[in-house]
Protein backbone atom coordinates (compact mmCIF):
# COMPACT_ATOMS: atom_id res chain seq x y z
CA UNK A 1 -89.30 43.19 36.90
CA UNK A 2 -90.50 41.62 33.53
CA UNK A 3 -88.47 42.78 31.41
CA UNK A 4 -85.92 42.18 34.03
CA UNK A 5 -86.34 38.67 33.30
CA UNK A 6 -86.98 39.30 29.58
CA UNK A 7 -83.05 41.26 28.97
CA UNK A 8 -81.28 38.51 31.35
CA UNK A 9 -82.80 35.17 32.08
CA UNK A 10 -80.68 34.06 34.29
CA UNK A 11 -81.75 33.21 37.92
CA UNK A 12 -77.78 32.35 39.32
CA UNK A 13 -79.20 35.25 41.70
CA UNK A 14 -82.17 33.25 42.68
CA UNK A 15 -81.62 32.06 46.37
CA UNK A 16 -82.70 28.23 46.74
CA UNK A 17 -83.78 28.92 50.77
CA UNK A 18 -84.32 24.52 50.54
CA UNK A 19 -87.58 25.63 48.12
CA UNK A 20 -86.06 24.29 45.42
CA UNK A 21 -87.95 21.43 43.46
CA UNK A 22 -86.40 17.99 42.77
CA UNK A 23 -86.91 17.30 38.93
CA UNK A 24 -86.42 13.48 39.63
CA UNK A 25 -88.70 11.07 38.16
CA UNK A 26 -89.18 6.95 38.36
CA UNK A 27 -90.23 6.97 34.93
CA UNK A 28 -89.56 9.18 31.21
CA UNK A 29 -86.75 12.00 31.23
CA UNK A 30 -84.31 13.16 33.59
CA UNK A 31 -82.67 16.74 33.87
CA UNK A 32 -78.59 17.07 36.07
CA UNK A 33 -77.22 19.34 35.64
CA UNK A 34 -72.83 18.98 36.65
CA UNK A 35 -69.24 19.16 35.23
CA UNK A 36 -67.94 16.97 31.91
CA UNK A 37 -64.28 17.59 33.22
CA UNK A 38 -64.72 21.74 33.47
CA UNK A 39 -67.24 23.04 32.06
CA UNK A 40 -71.27 22.99 33.43
CA UNK A 41 -74.22 21.62 31.49
CA UNK A 42 -77.96 20.19 31.62
CA UNK A 43 -78.17 16.58 30.02
CA UNK A 44 -81.63 14.76 29.82
CA UNK A 45 -81.23 11.32 29.58
CA UNK A 46 -84.72 8.88 29.45
CA UNK A 47 -84.75 5.10 29.65
CA UNK A 48 -88.11 5.33 29.49
CA UNK A 49 -87.61 2.22 27.13
CA UNK A 50 -86.26 -1.13 28.27
CA UNK A 51 -82.12 -1.04 28.60
CA UNK A 52 -82.77 1.26 25.96
CA UNK A 53 -81.20 5.15 27.56
CA UNK A 54 -81.62 8.02 25.35
CA UNK A 55 -81.01 11.92 25.63
CA UNK A 56 -79.32 15.38 24.90
CA UNK A 57 -77.17 17.73 26.67
CA UNK A 58 -75.65 21.00 25.82
CA UNK A 59 -72.08 23.83 27.83
CA UNK A 60 -74.06 25.38 29.26
CA UNK A 61 -71.78 28.27 27.59
CA UNK A 62 -72.91 27.59 23.89
CA UNK A 63 -76.33 26.30 25.39
CA UNK A 64 -76.05 23.80 22.19
CA UNK A 65 -77.87 20.10 21.80
CA UNK A 66 -75.81 17.14 21.50
CA UNK A 67 -77.19 14.21 21.20
CA UNK A 68 -77.20 10.73 22.67
CA UNK A 69 -77.98 7.71 22.99
CA UNK A 70 -77.36 4.00 24.64
CA UNK A 71 -77.51 1.63 27.24
CA UNK A 72 -78.09 0.65 30.38
CA UNK A 73 -76.65 -2.14 31.98
CA UNK A 74 -78.44 -2.26 35.44
CA UNK A 75 -76.37 1.23 37.31
CA UNK A 76 -74.06 1.25 34.53
CA UNK A 77 -75.67 3.56 31.36
CA UNK A 78 -73.03 3.78 27.63
CA UNK A 79 -74.13 6.23 25.80
CA UNK A 80 -72.48 7.69 22.66
CA UNK A 81 -72.41 11.43 21.14
CA UNK A 82 -73.27 12.36 18.31
CA UNK A 83 -74.22 10.65 14.62
CA UNK A 84 -72.70 8.96 12.14
CA UNK A 85 -74.78 11.66 9.62
CA UNK A 86 -72.54 11.31 6.52
CA UNK A 87 -72.12 7.69 6.90
CA UNK A 88 -68.73 7.69 6.79
CA UNK A 89 -68.04 5.64 10.09
CA UNK A 90 -65.95 7.87 12.23
CA UNK A 91 -65.90 7.25 15.74
CA UNK A 92 -67.89 9.23 17.75
CA UNK A 93 -67.13 10.24 21.41
CA UNK A 94 -69.18 8.75 24.39
CA UNK A 95 -69.86 8.06 28.41
CA UNK A 96 -69.66 5.53 30.52
CA UNK A 97 -71.50 6.61 33.37
CA UNK A 98 -72.80 5.05 36.57
CA UNK A 99 -76.08 6.27 39.41
CA UNK A 100 -74.60 8.01 41.99
CA UNK A 101 -77.67 8.68 45.20
CA UNK A 102 -77.54 12.09 44.34
CA UNK A 103 -76.93 11.88 39.78
CA UNK A 104 -74.59 9.95 37.81
CA UNK A 105 -70.08 9.90 37.69
CA UNK A 106 -68.16 9.01 35.06
CA UNK A 107 -65.54 9.75 31.93
CA UNK A 108 -66.04 11.28 28.37
CA UNK A 109 -64.04 10.07 25.92
CA UNK A 110 -62.68 11.24 22.66
CA UNK A 111 -62.93 9.36 19.68
CA UNK A 112 -58.37 10.42 20.25
CA UNK A 113 -58.48 9.41 24.11
CA UNK A 114 -59.41 11.60 25.86
CA UNK A 115 -60.61 11.37 28.99
CA UNK A 116 -62.61 14.35 30.96
CA UNK A 117 -64.13 13.22 34.67
CA UNK A 118 -68.25 13.69 34.19
CA UNK A 119 -70.01 13.96 37.57
CA UNK A 120 -74.16 15.38 37.91
CA UNK A 121 -76.47 15.71 40.26
CA UNK A 122 -80.35 15.61 39.20
CA UNK A 123 -81.54 19.01 38.91
CA UNK A 124 -83.16 21.84 41.21
CA UNK A 125 -84.64 24.43 40.10
CA UNK A 126 -84.75 27.36 42.66
CA UNK A 127 -88.19 29.47 42.86
CA UNK A 128 -90.79 30.98 39.99
CA UNK A 129 -90.49 34.23 39.74
CA UNK A 130 -93.65 35.63 40.70
CA UNK A 131 -92.95 38.00 37.04
CA UNK A 132 -92.37 34.92 35.20
CA UNK A 133 -93.77 34.51 31.53
CA UNK A 134 -96.31 32.18 31.79
CA UNK A 135 -94.56 29.89 28.66
CA UNK A 136 -91.31 30.12 31.51
CA UNK A 137 -93.82 28.94 33.85
CA UNK A 138 -95.20 26.02 31.75
CA UNK A 139 -91.57 25.46 31.15
CA UNK A 140 -91.12 24.77 34.68
CA UNK A 141 -93.00 22.93 35.32
CA UNK A 142 -93.50 20.59 31.58
CA UNK A 143 -89.25 21.22 29.65
CA UNK A 144 -87.51 21.89 32.76
CA UNK A 145 -84.59 21.38 31.10
CA UNK A 146 -85.28 24.05 27.92
CA UNK A 147 -86.03 26.23 31.11
CA UNK A 148 -83.26 25.69 32.16
CA UNK A 149 -81.11 26.51 28.44
CA UNK A 150 -83.23 29.25 28.60
CA UNK A 151 -81.35 30.30 31.21
CA UNK A 152 -78.08 32.30 30.57
CA UNK A 153 -79.75 33.63 26.97
CA UNK A 154 -79.68 37.18 26.67
CA UNK A 155 -82.05 39.54 24.00
CA UNK A 156 -80.20 42.35 22.53
CA UNK A 157 -81.77 45.64 21.91
CA UNK A 158 -82.27 46.13 18.58
CA UNK A 159 -83.72 49.61 17.28
CA UNK A 160 -86.70 52.03 18.08
CA UNK A 161 -89.13 52.44 15.62
CA UNK A 162 -92.61 54.46 15.22
CA UNK A 163 -95.06 52.50 13.83
CA UNK A 164 -97.86 53.31 13.16
CA UNK A 165 -98.10 55.99 15.97
CA UNK A 166 -96.62 52.95 18.10
CA UNK A 167 -93.42 52.72 20.07
CA UNK A 168 -91.49 49.52 19.42
CA UNK A 169 -87.91 48.44 21.10
CA UNK A 170 -86.93 45.36 18.52
CA UNK A 171 -85.00 42.96 20.88
CA UNK A 172 -82.20 40.17 19.00
CA UNK A 173 -81.65 36.71 20.32
CA UNK A 174 -77.95 37.06 18.82
CA UNK A 175 -77.30 32.73 18.80
CA UNK A 176 -80.61 31.88 16.87
CA UNK A 177 -80.20 36.39 15.24
CA UNK A 178 -84.42 35.36 16.02
CA UNK A 179 -85.89 38.75 16.90
CA UNK A 180 -89.35 40.44 18.05
CA UNK A 181 -90.16 43.57 18.81
CA UNK A 182 -92.48 44.41 22.10
CA UNK A 183 -94.70 47.83 22.23
CA UNK A 184 -92.66 50.51 24.40
CA UNK A 185 -95.81 54.20 23.74
CA UNK A 186 -99.29 53.35 22.45
CA UNK A 187 -101.43 51.48 24.50
CA UNK A 188 -102.59 51.39 28.44
CA UNK A 189 -99.93 49.83 30.42
CA UNK A 190 -102.37 46.88 31.45
CA UNK A 191 -102.63 46.00 27.44
CA UNK A 192 -99.49 46.45 26.67
CA UNK A 193 -97.81 44.41 29.41
CA UNK A 194 -100.40 41.08 28.08
CA UNK A 195 -99.49 42.35 24.49
CA UNK A 196 -96.15 42.24 25.36
CA UNK A 197 -95.75 38.94 27.22
CA UNK A 198 -97.30 37.19 24.50
CA UNK A 199 -95.42 38.99 22.37
CA UNK A 200 -91.69 37.25 23.74
CA UNK A 201 -93.33 34.70 24.34
CA UNK A 202 -93.66 34.18 20.49
CA UNK A 203 -90.07 35.30 20.19
CA UNK A 204 -88.94 32.87 22.75
CA UNK A 205 -90.53 29.78 21.32
CA UNK A 206 -88.48 30.23 17.81
CA UNK A 207 -85.64 31.03 19.90
CA UNK A 208 -87.01 27.00 21.00
CA UNK A 209 -87.17 26.24 17.65
CA UNK A 210 -83.89 27.02 16.23
CA UNK A 211 -82.33 24.72 18.96
CA UNK A 212 -85.28 22.30 18.07
CA UNK A 213 -83.97 22.73 14.34
CA UNK A 214 -80.20 22.19 14.97
CA UNK A 215 -80.43 19.32 16.68
CA UNK A 216 -82.17 16.98 14.23
CA UNK A 217 -79.67 18.77 11.79
CA UNK A 218 -75.98 19.45 12.99
CA UNK A 219 -74.06 22.26 12.94
CA UNK A 220 -75.29 22.90 9.11
CA UNK A 221 -79.25 22.98 9.73
CA UNK A 222 -80.45 27.33 8.98
CA UNK A 223 -83.24 28.31 10.30
CA UNK A 224 -84.40 31.75 10.24
CA UNK A 225 -86.63 33.78 10.67
CA UNK A 226 -88.47 37.40 10.19
CA UNK A 227 -91.23 39.51 11.92
CA UNK A 228 -92.40 41.85 10.07
CA UNK A 229 -95.04 44.94 12.19
CA UNK A 230 -98.44 44.64 9.42
CA UNK A 231 -101.40 46.75 11.83
CA UNK A 232 -101.07 48.48 15.23
CA UNK A 233 -104.11 49.89 15.87
CA UNK A 234 -106.86 50.53 18.84
CA UNK A 235 -108.16 46.60 18.36
CA UNK A 236 -106.09 45.02 16.83
CA UNK A 237 -101.89 43.68 16.08
CA UNK A 238 -100.40 42.01 13.29
CA UNK A 239 -97.37 40.91 12.30
CA UNK A 240 -95.88 38.56 9.30
CA UNK A 241 -93.01 36.10 10.68
CA UNK A 242 -92.19 33.78 7.78
CA UNK A 243 -89.67 31.33 8.62
CA UNK A 244 -87.24 28.85 6.30
CA UNK A 245 -84.91 26.58 7.42
CA UNK A 246 -82.98 23.55 6.38
CA UNK A 247 -83.30 20.78 9.39
CA UNK A 248 -82.21 17.29 8.21
CA UNK A 249 -84.79 16.62 6.11
CA UNK A 250 -85.27 15.69 2.84
CA UNK A 251 -86.07 19.27 1.53
CA UNK A 252 -85.80 22.75 2.96
CA UNK A 253 -88.86 24.31 3.90
CA UNK A 254 -90.56 28.08 5.31
CA UNK A 255 -93.46 29.59 5.70
CA UNK A 256 -95.51 33.12 6.88
CA UNK A 257 -97.76 33.56 9.26
CA UNK A 258 -99.71 36.37 10.42
CA UNK A 259 -99.11 36.61 14.25
CA UNK A 260 -102.20 38.59 15.33
CA UNK A 261 -103.56 39.32 18.66
CA UNK A 262 -106.72 41.30 20.42
CA UNK A 263 -105.97 44.19 21.70
CA UNK A 264 -107.76 44.76 24.90
CA UNK A 265 -106.96 41.23 25.49
CA UNK A 266 -104.29 39.49 23.48
CA UNK A 267 -105.79 36.97 22.26
CA UNK A 268 -103.61 35.19 19.57
CA UNK A 269 -106.53 35.28 16.64
CA UNK A 270 -106.81 32.35 14.21
CA UNK A 271 -107.48 33.43 10.70
CA UNK A 272 -111.18 32.63 11.58
CA UNK A 273 -111.42 35.44 13.61
CA UNK A 274 -110.79 37.69 11.09
CA UNK A 275 -112.96 36.20 8.14
């Protein structure tokens, strides 16, 4: 059950039966689903700051954010896609959208003049599966745009590894190249389930960090992650996770830190807990 959700985060087969939740809000970001041309997209816009509008969208085929900035004039929304990172004044695509009863409709236009129809409605989420990760449940209610991004992402199985007497199954998300393992043998079932929930939560959080880096740094952004098991015992599971990134800031950065879990509760331990 849980593993099926983690392998293929696609909820398209889940039927709504009229129980879907609308993501309409009087203030703050609104999330839409629909098409740009013939391509399915997910769009998020925030117009809570006077007449300014900002947001982002991704093609469901590619999952990568395209930043949007613009303004509102009544029911008309004008947006520029991307930003001029090089400062060379290049033309950028733009969107002109008009509010409808169910969402937004209008046109996307490339710098060369190509036009495509945009038609999006306020997003509907099917009911959350009962076996969803607690982390996905948090995204479902607090960050539906990110939740929808994860829908189509698939984890690819890697090697099986025996480490300190415990059998590990490695998984990798191919677009971000983020990887981590589940424990498949060595702990009792209940402990293993709780531990694997924490491990998969950490994996998906790093996938989110990759997309945030791409949003901020554009195509030149670099985000790399590597995980290594350090200790598995009846009391403690410890993983070393190193990350390096260049997300458009003044300089690249890197870090290496332990991800430590108390086995009987799967609680993440802090440095103070270990001292």
